[in-house]
Amino acid sequence: TTGTSSNSDSATTVESMEDNPDGGCHIYRNGYYRTDISVVEGILEVNIIQMTSIQMTESQAENSLVDFVVTCQGSLPTDVCTVVSDPTCQVSKSVVCNPIIITDECLLTIRRAFEEPGTYCINITLGDDTSQALASALISVNGGEST
């Protein structure tokens, strides 16, 4: 099928050609297109500036809790995801995502639980509607202590 169309704007002309041999579909389009592009700053950088083990009583010691203090540059994020993986960062063990509200400065504390001692790769991703930024770290969790 071959057709030509144009709208009321004389700068926009679209020609299209569709070919349907053997049930496949190929579309060729020539012409002028116009659109608006919005450039946004986005989240430029994420840094894990501190990792702190939360001391718990022995009755609470099922999981080790670690607080991650994170900063970012650029636009303010609206969600945070934490991926806990093996030490090679290849095999994911858990993924936790939460919405966040930051109104002024990009500084937040993220608390995550670790079920057993070991060395883990942590990926923390901050995102908004238009961008994402990632920070990674290796952490060693030793039954309530982390380094």
N, C-alpha and C. Protein backbone atom coordinates (compact mmCIF):
# COMPACT_ATOMS: atom_id res chain seq x y z
N THR A 1 0.86 -1.18 0.00
CA THR A 1 0.00 0.00 0.00
C THR A 1 0.89 1.23 0.00
N THR A 2 0.62 2.16 -0.84
CA THR A 2 1.39 3.40 -0.88
C THR A 2 0.42 4.54 -0.69
N GLY A 3 0.82 5.49 0.15
CA GLY A 3 -0.07 6.62 0.38
C GLY A 3 0.70 7.85 0.76
N THR A 4 0.14 9.00 0.56
CA THR A 4 0.75 10.26 0.95
C THR A 4 -0.26 11.02 1.76
N SER A 5 0.20 11.60 2.85
CA SER A 5 -0.71 12.39 3.66
C SER A 5 0.02 13.62 4.15
N SER A 6 -0.71 14.65 4.41
CA SER A 6 -0.13 15.84 5.02
C SER A 6 -1.19 16.46 5.90
N ASN A 7 -0.73 17.13 6.95
CA ASN A 7 -1.70 17.78 7.82
C ASN A 7 -1.74 19.27 7.49
N SER A 8 -2.39 20.05 8.31
CA SER A 8 -2.57 21.46 8.03
C SER A 8 -1.25 22.23 8.06
N ASP A 9 -0.22 21.67 8.70
CA ASP A 9 1.09 22.31 8.75
C ASP A 9 1.85 21.94 7.49
N SER A 10 2.15 22.89 6.64
CA SER A 10 2.77 22.60 5.36
C SER A 10 4.19 22.08 5.51
N ALA A 11 4.81 22.25 6.67
CA ALA A 11 6.18 21.77 6.88
C ALA A 11 6.22 20.28 7.16
N THR A 12 5.08 19.65 7.39
CA THR A 12 5.05 18.24 7.73
C THR A 12 4.41 17.45 6.60
N THR A 13 5.19 16.63 5.94
CA THR A 13 4.68 15.76 4.89
C THR A 13 5.18 14.36 5.19
N VAL A 14 4.28 13.40 5.11
CA VAL A 14 4.64 12.03 5.43
C VAL A 14 4.28 11.14 4.26
N GLU A 15 5.25 10.36 3.79
CA GLU A 15 4.99 9.34 2.80
C GLU A 15 5.26 8.00 3.44
N SER A 16 4.39 7.05 3.23
CA SER A 16 4.65 5.74 3.80
C SER A 16 4.40 4.69 2.75
N MET A 17 5.14 3.60 2.88
CA MET A 17 4.98 2.49 1.97
C MET A 17 5.04 1.22 2.79
N GLU A 18 4.05 0.40 2.69
CA GLU A 18 4.02 -0.84 3.43
C GLU A 18 4.06 -2.00 2.46
N ASP A 19 4.89 -2.97 2.76
CA ASP A 19 5.05 -4.13 1.90
C ASP A 19 4.74 -5.35 2.74
N ASN A 20 3.99 -6.27 2.22
CA ASN A 20 3.58 -7.42 3.01
C ASN A 20 3.89 -8.73 2.29
N PRO A 21 5.17 -9.00 1.94
CA PRO A 21 5.47 -10.29 1.31
C PRO A 21 5.59 -11.38 2.36
N ASP A 22 5.05 -12.52 2.09
CA ASP A 22 5.16 -13.69 2.96
C ASP A 22 4.72 -13.42 4.38
N GLY A 23 3.76 -12.57 4.58
CA GLY A 23 3.24 -12.31 5.92
C GLY A 23 4.06 -11.35 6.75
N GLY A 24 5.23 -10.92 6.25
CA GLY A 24 6.06 -9.98 7.01
C GLY A 24 5.60 -8.57 6.75
N CYS A 25 6.07 -7.62 7.53
CA CYS A 25 5.63 -6.24 7.38
C CYS A 25 6.86 -5.35 7.39
N HIS A 26 6.99 -4.52 6.37
CA HIS A 26 8.06 -3.55 6.29
C HIS A 26 7.43 -2.19 6.10
N ILE A 27 7.86 -1.23 6.86
CA ILE A 27 7.30 0.11 6.76
C ILE A 27 8.44 1.07 6.44
N TYR A 28 8.27 1.86 5.38
CA TYR A 28 9.24 2.87 5.00
C TYR A 28 8.54 4.22 5.11
N ARG A 29 9.19 5.15 5.77
CA ARG A 29 8.59 6.47 5.90
C ARG A 29 9.63 7.52 5.52
N ASN A 30 9.21 8.46 4.71
CA ASN A 30 10.06 9.59 4.31
C ASN A 30 9.31 10.86 4.63
N GLY A 31 10.04 11.92 4.89
CA GLY A 31 9.36 13.19 5.08
C GLY A 31 10.00 13.99 6.19
N TYR A 32 9.26 14.98 6.61
CA TYR A 32 9.73 15.89 7.65
C TYR A 32 8.94 15.62 8.92
N TYR A 33 9.62 15.57 10.02
CA TYR A 33 8.97 15.35 11.31
C TYR A 33 9.38 16.47 12.24
N ARG A 34 8.49 16.84 13.11
CA ARG A 34 8.78 17.89 14.07
C ARG A 34 8.32 17.43 15.44
N THR A 35 9.15 17.70 16.46
CA THR A 35 8.78 17.36 17.82
C THR A 35 9.47 18.32 18.77
N ASP A 36 9.05 18.35 19.99
CA ASP A 36 9.69 19.15 21.02
C ASP A 36 10.54 18.23 21.88
N ILE A 37 11.72 18.67 22.23
CA ILE A 37 12.61 17.91 23.09
C ILE A 37 12.83 18.70 24.37
N SER A 38 12.62 18.03 25.50
CA SER A 38 12.88 18.66 26.80
C SER A 38 14.15 18.06 27.37
N VAL A 39 15.11 18.90 27.72
CA VAL A 39 16.36 18.45 28.31
C VAL A 39 16.23 18.62 29.82
N VAL A 40 16.43 17.51 30.55
CA VAL A 40 16.33 17.55 32.00
C VAL A 40 17.69 17.20 32.58
N GLU A 41 17.95 17.72 33.77
CA GLU A 41 19.25 17.51 34.40
C GLU A 41 19.42 16.06 34.84
N GLY A 42 18.42 15.49 35.46
CA GLY A 42 18.51 14.11 35.92
C GLY A 42 19.37 13.97 37.15
N ILE A 43 19.45 12.75 37.65
CA ILE A 43 20.29 12.42 38.79
C ILE A 43 21.67 12.13 38.23
N LEU A 44 22.65 12.92 38.62
CA LEU A 44 23.97 12.86 38.01
C LEU A 44 24.92 11.89 38.70
N GLU A 45 24.81 11.77 40.02
CA GLU A 45 25.79 10.99 40.77
C GLU A 45 25.19 10.50 42.08
N VAL A 46 25.55 9.29 42.48
CA VAL A 46 25.13 8.73 43.76
C VAL A 46 26.39 8.25 44.48
N ASN A 47 26.49 8.53 45.77
CA ASN A 47 27.61 8.09 46.58
C ASN A 47 27.12 7.49 47.89
N ILE A 48 27.68 6.35 48.25
CA ILE A 48 27.46 5.77 49.58
C ILE A 48 28.56 6.33 50.46
N ILE A 49 28.21 7.20 51.39
CA ILE A 49 29.24 7.86 52.18
C ILE A 49 29.48 7.20 53.54
N GLN A 50 28.56 6.33 53.97
CA GLN A 50 28.73 5.67 55.27
C GLN A 50 27.89 4.40 55.32
N MET A 51 28.46 3.36 55.95
CA MET A 51 27.73 2.11 56.22
C MET A 51 27.90 1.82 57.70
N THR A 52 26.79 1.68 58.41
CA THR A 52 26.83 1.49 59.85
C THR A 52 25.98 0.30 60.24
N SER A 53 26.57 -0.62 61.00
CA SER A 53 25.82 -1.75 61.53
C SER A 53 24.99 -1.29 62.71
N ILE A 54 23.75 -1.75 62.79
CA ILE A 54 22.85 -1.40 63.89
C ILE A 54 22.97 -2.47 64.96
N GLN A 55 23.37 -2.07 66.15
CA GLN A 55 23.52 -3.01 67.25
C GLN A 55 22.14 -3.39 67.78
N MET A 56 21.95 -4.70 67.94
CA MET A 56 20.67 -5.20 68.43
C MET A 56 20.92 -6.12 69.62
N THR A 57 19.89 -6.33 70.40
CA THR A 57 20.00 -7.28 71.50
C THR A 57 20.02 -8.69 70.94
N GLU A 58 20.42 -9.65 71.73
CA GLU A 58 20.49 -11.03 71.25
C GLU A 58 19.13 -11.57 70.84
N SER A 59 18.06 -11.12 71.48
CA SER A 59 16.73 -11.60 71.13
C SER A 59 16.29 -11.05 69.76
N GLN A 60 16.91 -9.97 69.29
CA GLN A 60 16.58 -9.38 68.00
C GLN A 60 17.54 -9.82 66.90
N ALA A 61 18.47 -10.68 67.20
CA ALA A 61 19.59 -10.95 66.30
C ALA A 61 19.28 -11.91 65.16
N GLU A 62 18.03 -12.04 64.75
CA GLU A 62 17.71 -12.87 63.59
C GLU A 62 18.39 -12.34 62.34
N ASN A 63 18.28 -11.05 62.12
CA ASN A 63 18.86 -10.40 60.95
C ASN A 63 19.85 -9.33 61.41
N SER A 64 20.89 -9.12 60.60
CA SER A 64 21.81 -8.01 60.83
C SER A 64 21.28 -6.82 60.05
N LEU A 65 21.17 -5.67 60.69
CA LEU A 65 20.70 -4.45 60.05
C LEU A 65 21.87 -3.53 59.77
N VAL A 66 21.88 -2.95 58.57
CA VAL A 66 22.92 -2.02 58.19
C VAL A 66 22.26 -0.77 57.61
N ASP A 67 22.72 0.40 58.08
CA ASP A 67 22.27 1.67 57.54
C ASP A 67 23.28 2.16 56.51
N PHE A 68 22.79 2.55 55.35
CA PHE A 68 23.62 3.13 54.29
C PHE A 68 23.24 4.59 54.16
N VAL A 69 24.20 5.49 54.33
CA VAL A 69 23.97 6.91 54.13
C VAL A 69 24.40 7.24 52.71
N VAL A 70 23.46 7.81 51.94
CA VAL A 70 23.65 8.02 50.51
C VAL A 70 23.42 9.49 50.18
N THR A 71 24.27 10.02 49.31
CA THR A 71 24.08 11.37 48.78
C THR A 71 23.96 11.29 47.26
N CYS A 72 23.40 12.35 46.67
CA CYS A 72 23.35 12.40 45.20
C CYS A 72 23.46 13.84 44.75
N GLN A 73 23.78 13.98 43.47
CA GLN A 73 23.88 15.29 42.81
C GLN A 73 22.86 15.32 41.68
N GLY A 74 22.40 16.50 41.35
CA GLY A 74 21.44 16.64 40.26
C GLY A 74 20.02 16.74 40.79
N SER A 75 19.08 16.23 40.02
CA SER A 75 17.68 16.31 40.45
C SER A 75 17.43 15.36 41.62
N LEU A 76 16.36 15.61 42.35
CA LEU A 76 16.04 14.82 43.54
C LEU A 76 15.32 13.53 43.15
N PRO A 77 15.74 12.39 43.71
CA PRO A 77 15.12 11.11 43.36
C PRO A 77 13.75 10.96 43.99
N THR A 78 12.95 10.07 43.38
CA THR A 78 11.63 9.76 43.92
C THR A 78 11.51 8.31 44.36
N ASP A 79 12.52 7.49 44.03
CA ASP A 79 12.51 6.11 44.50
C ASP A 79 13.94 5.60 44.66
N VAL A 80 14.07 4.58 45.51
CA VAL A 80 15.37 3.96 45.77
C VAL A 80 15.19 2.45 45.68
N CYS A 81 16.13 1.80 45.02
CA CYS A 81 16.16 0.34 44.93
C CYS A 81 17.51 -0.15 45.43
N THR A 82 17.48 -1.21 46.23
CA THR A 82 18.69 -1.83 46.72
C THR A 82 18.72 -3.27 46.25
N VAL A 83 19.80 -3.63 45.56
CA VAL A 83 19.99 -5.00 45.11
C VAL A 83 21.14 -5.59 45.91
N VAL A 84 20.87 -6.69 46.61
CA VAL A 84 21.90 -7.40 47.37
C VAL A 84 22.28 -8.62 46.55
N SER A 85 23.57 -8.75 46.24
CA SER A 85 24.06 -9.84 45.41
C SER A 85 25.23 -10.54 46.09
N ASP A 86 25.69 -11.60 45.44
CA ASP A 86 26.88 -12.30 45.91
C ASP A 86 28.09 -11.38 45.74
N PRO A 87 29.27 -11.74 46.30
CA PRO A 87 30.43 -10.84 46.25
C PRO A 87 30.89 -10.49 44.84
N THR A 88 30.54 -11.29 43.83
CA THR A 88 30.94 -10.97 42.46
C THR A 88 29.96 -10.02 41.78
N CYS A 89 28.87 -9.69 42.44
CA CYS A 89 27.79 -8.84 41.91
C CYS A 89 27.07 -9.49 40.74
N GLN A 90 27.13 -10.81 40.62
CA GLN A 90 26.52 -11.52 39.50
C GLN A 90 25.18 -12.16 39.85
N VAL A 91 25.05 -12.71 41.07
CA VAL A 91 23.84 -13.45 41.45
C VAL A 91 23.06 -12.64 42.48
N SER A 92 21.88 -12.16 42.08
CA SER A 92 21.05 -11.34 42.96
C SER A 92 20.40 -12.20 44.04
N LYS A 93 20.47 -11.75 45.29
CA LYS A 93 19.83 -12.45 46.40
C LYS A 93 18.52 -11.79 46.80
N SER A 94 18.45 -10.47 46.70
CA SER A 94 17.20 -9.77 47.02
C SER A 94 17.19 -8.39 46.37
N VAL A 95 15.98 -7.91 46.10
CA VAL A 95 15.78 -6.58 45.54
C VAL A 95 14.67 -5.91 46.35
N VAL A 96 14.94 -4.72 46.86
CA VAL A 96 13.95 -3.96 47.61
C VAL A 96 13.87 -2.56 47.01
N CYS A 97 12.67 -2.14 46.62
CA CYS A 97 12.45 -0.80 46.07
C CYS A 97 11.40 -0.08 46.91
N ASN A 98 11.65 1.20 47.17
CA ASN A 98 10.73 2.01 47.95
C ASN A 98 10.62 3.41 47.36
N PRO A 99 9.43 4.00 47.40
CA PRO A 99 9.32 5.42 47.04
C PRO A 99 9.92 6.26 48.17
N ILE A 100 10.50 7.39 47.82
CA ILE A 100 11.06 8.30 48.82
C ILE A 100 10.62 9.72 48.50
N ILE A 101 10.62 10.55 49.52
CA ILE A 101 10.31 11.96 49.35
C ILE A 101 11.48 12.76 49.89
N ILE A 102 12.15 13.47 49.01
CA ILE A 102 13.26 14.35 49.39
C ILE A 102 12.87 15.74 48.91
N THR A 103 12.89 16.70 49.82
CA THR A 103 12.41 18.03 49.44
C THR A 103 13.51 19.07 49.31
N ASP A 104 14.69 18.81 49.88
CA ASP A 104 15.70 19.87 49.88
C ASP A 104 17.04 19.36 49.39
N GLU A 105 17.74 18.61 50.23
CA GLU A 105 19.09 18.14 49.93
C GLU A 105 19.06 16.63 49.75
N CYS A 106 19.81 16.12 48.81
CA CYS A 106 19.81 14.68 48.55
C CYS A 106 20.75 13.99 49.53
N LEU A 107 20.23 13.67 50.68
CA LEU A 107 20.95 12.94 51.73
C LEU A 107 19.93 12.03 52.39
N LEU A 108 20.12 10.73 52.29
CA LEU A 108 19.15 9.82 52.88
C LEU A 108 19.84 8.62 53.50
N THR A 109 19.15 8.00 54.44
CA THR A 109 19.62 6.79 55.10
C THR A 109 18.71 5.64 54.71
N ILE A 110 19.33 4.56 54.24
CA ILE A 110 18.60 3.38 53.80
C ILE A 110 18.99 2.24 54.73
N ARG A 111 18.00 1.61 55.38
CA ARG A 111 18.25 0.49 56.29
C ARG A 111 17.87 -0.81 55.60
N ARG A 112 18.81 -1.76 55.58
CA ARG A 112 18.56 -3.06 54.97
C ARG A 112 18.97 -4.17 55.93
N ALA A 113 18.23 -5.28 55.84
CA ALA A 113 18.48 -6.45 56.71
C ALA A 113 19.22 -7.52 55.92
N PHE A 114 20.14 -8.20 56.60
CA PHE A 114 20.90 -9.32 56.04
C PHE A 114 20.65 -10.54 56.91
N GLU A 115 20.17 -11.62 56.29
CA GLU A 115 19.74 -12.79 57.05
C GLU A 115 20.89 -13.59 57.64
N GLU A 116 22.06 -13.55 56.99
CA GLU A 116 23.17 -14.34 57.49
C GLU A 116 24.48 -13.61 57.25
N PRO A 117 25.51 -13.94 58.04
CA PRO A 117 26.82 -13.32 57.84
C PRO A 117 27.37 -13.65 56.45
N GLY A 118 28.22 -12.80 55.96
CA GLY A 118 28.85 -13.03 54.66
C GLY A 118 29.26 -11.74 54.00
N THR A 119 29.82 -11.87 52.82
CA THR A 119 30.22 -10.71 52.02
C THR A 119 29.19 -10.53 50.91
N TYR A 120 28.74 -9.31 50.74
CA TYR A 120 27.69 -9.01 49.77
C TYR A 120 28.10 -7.83 48.89
N CYS A 121 27.59 -7.83 47.68
CA CYS A 121 27.68 -6.68 46.78
C CYS A 121 26.36 -5.93 46.91
N ILE A 122 26.43 -4.64 47.16
CA ILE A 122 25.25 -3.81 47.31
C ILE A 122 25.20 -2.81 46.16
N ASN A 123 24.09 -2.79 45.43
CA ASN A 123 23.85 -1.77 44.41
C ASN A 123 22.67 -0.93 44.87
N ILE A 124 22.89 0.36 45.02
CA ILE A 124 21.82 1.28 45.41
C ILE A 124 21.55 2.19 44.22
N THR A 125 20.31 2.15 43.73
CA THR A 125 19.90 2.94 42.58
C THR A 125 18.88 3.98 43.03
N LEU A 126 19.15 5.23 42.73
CA LEU A 126 18.20 6.31 42.95
C LEU A 126 17.62 6.69 41.60
N GLY A 127 16.30 6.89 41.56
CA GLY A 127 15.67 7.20 40.28
C GLY A 127 14.57 8.23 40.42
N ASP A 128 14.24 8.83 39.29
CA ASP A 128 13.07 9.68 39.19
C ASP A 128 12.40 9.35 37.85
N ASP A 129 11.48 10.17 37.38
CA ASP A 129 10.75 9.87 36.15
C ASP A 129 11.64 9.85 34.92
N THR A 130 12.80 10.50 34.97
CA THR A 130 13.60 10.64 33.76
C THR A 130 15.02 10.09 33.86
N SER A 131 15.46 9.67 35.04
CA SER A 131 16.85 9.24 35.15
C SER A 131 17.04 8.28 36.31
N GLN A 132 18.20 7.63 36.28
CA GLN A 132 18.62 6.75 37.36
C GLN A 132 20.13 6.90 37.53
N ALA A 133 20.60 6.68 38.75
CA ALA A 133 22.03 6.68 39.02
C ALA A 133 22.30 5.59 40.05
N LEU A 134 23.49 4.99 39.97
CA LEU A 134 23.82 3.80 40.74
C LEU A 134 25.10 3.99 41.52
N ALA A 135 25.14 3.45 42.73
CA ALA A 135 26.36 3.34 43.52
C ALA A 135 26.47 1.90 44.00
N SER A 136 27.69 1.38 44.03
CA SER A 136 27.91 -0.01 44.45
C SER A 136 28.97 -0.05 45.54
N ALA A 137 28.88 -1.09 46.37
CA ALA A 137 29.87 -1.30 47.43
C ALA A 137 29.88 -2.77 47.81
N LEU A 138 31.00 -3.22 48.31
CA LEU A 138 31.09 -4.55 48.92
C LEU A 138 31.00 -4.37 50.42
N ILE A 139 30.24 -5.22 51.06
CA ILE A 139 30.08 -5.14 52.52
C ILE A 139 30.23 -6.53 53.12
N SER A 140 30.90 -6.58 54.24
CA SER A 140 31.05 -7.83 54.96
C SER A 140 30.18 -7.76 56.23
N VAL A 141 29.23 -8.66 56.34
CA VAL A 141 28.31 -8.68 57.48
C VAL A 141 28.69 -9.87 58.35
N ASN A 142 29.01 -9.58 59.60
CA ASN A 142 29.45 -10.62 60.54
C ASN A 142 28.55 -10.67 61.76
N GLY A 143 27.37 -11.24 61.62
CA GLY A 143 26.46 -11.43 62.75
C GLY A 143 26.22 -10.19 63.57
N GLY A 144 25.80 -9.13 62.95
CA GLY A 144 25.50 -7.90 63.69
C GLY A 144 26.56 -6.84 63.53
N GLU A 145 27.72 -7.18 62.94
CA GLU A 145 28.76 -6.20 62.69
C GLU A 145 29.01 -6.14 61.20
N SER A 146 29.32 -4.98 60.69
CA SER A 146 29.65 -4.87 59.28
C SER A 146 30.90 -4.02 59.12
N THR A 147 31.62 -4.26 58.01
CA THR A 147 32.83 -3.48 57.75
C THR A 147 32.84 -3.01 56.32
